[in-house]
Protein backbone atom coordinates (compact mmCIF):
# COMPACT_ATOMS: atom_id res chain seq x y z
CA MET A 1 109.98 133.58 267.37
CA GLN A 2 111.15 135.12 264.15
CA GLN A 3 108.69 136.63 261.72
CA GLY A 4 109.67 138.93 258.83
CA GLY A 5 112.85 140.09 260.13
CA GLY A 6 111.52 141.40 263.47
CA SER A 7 111.55 139.64 266.68
CA GLU A 8 108.70 139.16 269.16
CA THR A 9 109.27 138.63 272.68
CA GLU A 10 106.54 136.61 274.76
CA VAL A 11 104.67 138.80 277.36
CA THR A 12 104.47 136.78 280.59
CA TRP A 13 101.83 137.40 283.32
CA GLU A 14 104.50 139.03 285.43
CA ASP A 15 105.51 141.44 282.38
CA GLN A 16 101.94 142.30 282.07
CA GLN A 17 101.66 143.17 285.93
CA ASN A 18 104.78 145.40 285.61
CA ILE A 19 103.43 147.26 282.55
CA ASN A 20 100.11 147.79 284.38
CA LYS A 21 101.86 148.96 287.49
CA PHE A 22 103.84 151.40 285.47
CA GLY A 23 100.66 152.73 283.90
CA ARG A 24 99.11 153.08 287.38
CA LEU A 25 102.38 154.91 288.67
CA ASN A 26 102.35 157.12 285.70
CA ASN A 27 98.80 158.17 286.16
CA ARG A 28 99.43 158.95 289.85
CA PHE A 29 102.51 160.86 288.95
CA HIS A 30 100.45 163.23 286.68
CA GLU A 31 97.78 163.58 289.33
CA LEU A 32 100.56 164.48 291.86
CA GLU A 33 101.94 167.12 289.55
CA ASP A 34 98.51 168.74 289.40
CA GLU A 35 98.08 168.42 293.39
CA ILE A 36 101.43 170.03 293.81
CA LYS A 37 100.50 172.77 291.36
CA VAL A 38 97.44 173.71 293.51
CA ALA A 39 99.28 173.39 296.80
CA LYS A 40 101.70 175.91 295.62
CA GLU A 41 99.28 178.40 294.38
CA SER A 42 97.48 177.97 297.70
CA ASN A 43 100.76 178.40 299.48
CA ASP A 44 101.52 181.58 297.39
CA ASN A 45 98.02 182.96 297.92
CA LEU A 46 98.40 182.43 301.82
CA GLU A 47 101.80 184.32 301.69
CA ASP A 48 100.31 187.00 299.71
CA ALA A 49 97.37 187.32 302.23
CA GLY A 50 99.92 187.43 305.11
CA ASN A 51 101.93 190.20 303.39
CA GLU A 52 98.75 192.39 302.79
CA LEU A 53 97.77 191.81 306.41
CA ILE A 54 100.99 193.22 307.58
CA LEU A 55 100.43 196.43 305.54
CA THR A 56 96.96 197.14 306.90
CA ASP A 57 96.64 199.16 309.80
CA GLU A 58 93.06 197.98 310.89
CA ASP A 59 92.63 196.04 314.08
CA VAL A 60 89.80 194.10 312.81
CA VAL A 61 89.90 192.57 309.43
CA ARG A 62 87.31 190.80 307.06
CA PHE A 63 88.30 186.79 307.02
CA GLN A 64 86.52 184.45 304.76
CA ILE A 65 85.16 181.43 306.60
CA GLY A 66 83.57 179.17 304.05
CA GLU A 67 81.40 181.37 301.97
CA VAL A 68 81.21 184.22 304.63
CA PHE A 69 83.07 186.97 305.48
CA ALA A 70 83.50 187.52 309.36
CA HIS A 71 85.02 190.29 311.07
CA VAL A 72 88.01 189.03 313.00
CA PRO A 73 90.90 190.58 314.96
CA LYS A 74 93.96 191.08 313.01
CA GLU A 75 96.15 188.88 315.25
CA GLU A 76 93.71 186.14 315.20
CA VAL A 77 93.75 186.21 311.46
CA GLU A 78 97.52 186.29 311.22
CA ASN A 79 97.68 183.29 313.50
CA ARG A 80 95.19 181.43 311.22
CA ILE A 81 97.05 182.26 308.06
CA GLU A 82 100.53 181.00 309.84
CA GLU A 83 98.55 177.65 310.68
CA MET A 84 97.15 177.33 307.16
CA LYS A 85 100.64 177.82 305.64
CA GLU A 86 102.04 175.26 307.82
CA VAL A 87 99.57 172.68 306.90
CA THR A 88 100.04 173.55 303.28
CA SER A 89 103.73 173.35 303.41
CA LYS A 90 103.73 169.93 305.02
CA SER A 91 101.23 168.73 302.57
CA LEU A 92 103.40 169.85 299.82
CA GLU A 93 106.33 168.26 301.37
CA LYS A 94 104.50 164.92 301.46
CA LEU A 95 103.36 165.42 297.89
CA TYR A 96 107.05 165.95 296.74
CA GLU A 97 108.13 162.82 298.90
CA GLU A 98 105.47 160.69 297.02
CA LYS A 99 106.41 162.09 293.56
CA GLU A 100 109.89 161.17 294.23
CA SER A 101 109.10 157.62 295.26
CA ILE A 102 106.90 157.18 292.26
CA LEU A 103 109.72 158.45 289.86
CA ALA A 104 112.04 155.93 291.35
CA GLN A 105 109.57 153.04 291.09
CA MET A 106 108.90 154.01 287.39
CA THR A 107 112.71 154.05 286.57
CA LYS A 108 112.98 150.66 288.05
CA LEU A 109 110.26 149.42 286.06
CA LYS A 110 111.55 150.91 282.91
CA GLN A 111 114.74 149.29 283.44
CA ILE A 112 113.12 146.00 283.75
CA LEU A 113 110.55 146.58 280.77
CA TYR A 114 113.32 147.93 278.23
CA GLY A 115 115.65 145.22 279.48
CA LYS A 116 113.25 142.65 278.20
CA PHE A 117 111.50 144.28 275.32
CA LYS A 118 114.02 146.69 274.07
CA ASP A 119 112.34 148.92 271.22
CA SER A 120 109.11 146.91 271.14
CA ILE A 121 107.63 148.97 274.12
CA ASN A 122 107.47 152.74 274.64
CA LEU A 123 107.27 154.00 278.12
CA GLU A 124 108.10 157.80 277.42
CA GLU A 125 105.93 160.50 277.34
CA ASP A 126 105.26 162.07 274.01
């Protein structure tokens, strides 16, 4: 339909589903960025704790378990920190993989939606 020199493209049910899916993916993308930031900070903190532990010459160190500090042998704390770093690294890897998957899906949806709606739709961040 032509009205006042501009053109309107009819939005089908499928188009609306694609727009909604893009919105959900975009929200998840931003959530993932926050989760990745937290996981990186956690990984950095564990790395720092491991380095500090290397520098200490005490056999028993204070280790936080929940809200309580307990005196734990240094070797056990080193093992726990290594395990925690492995878990955090694996979690970070999964978050990056999910982020890449979401970006790929968003790119595909952008092509479809921009192909149909051209300048009538804006899917870019401001």
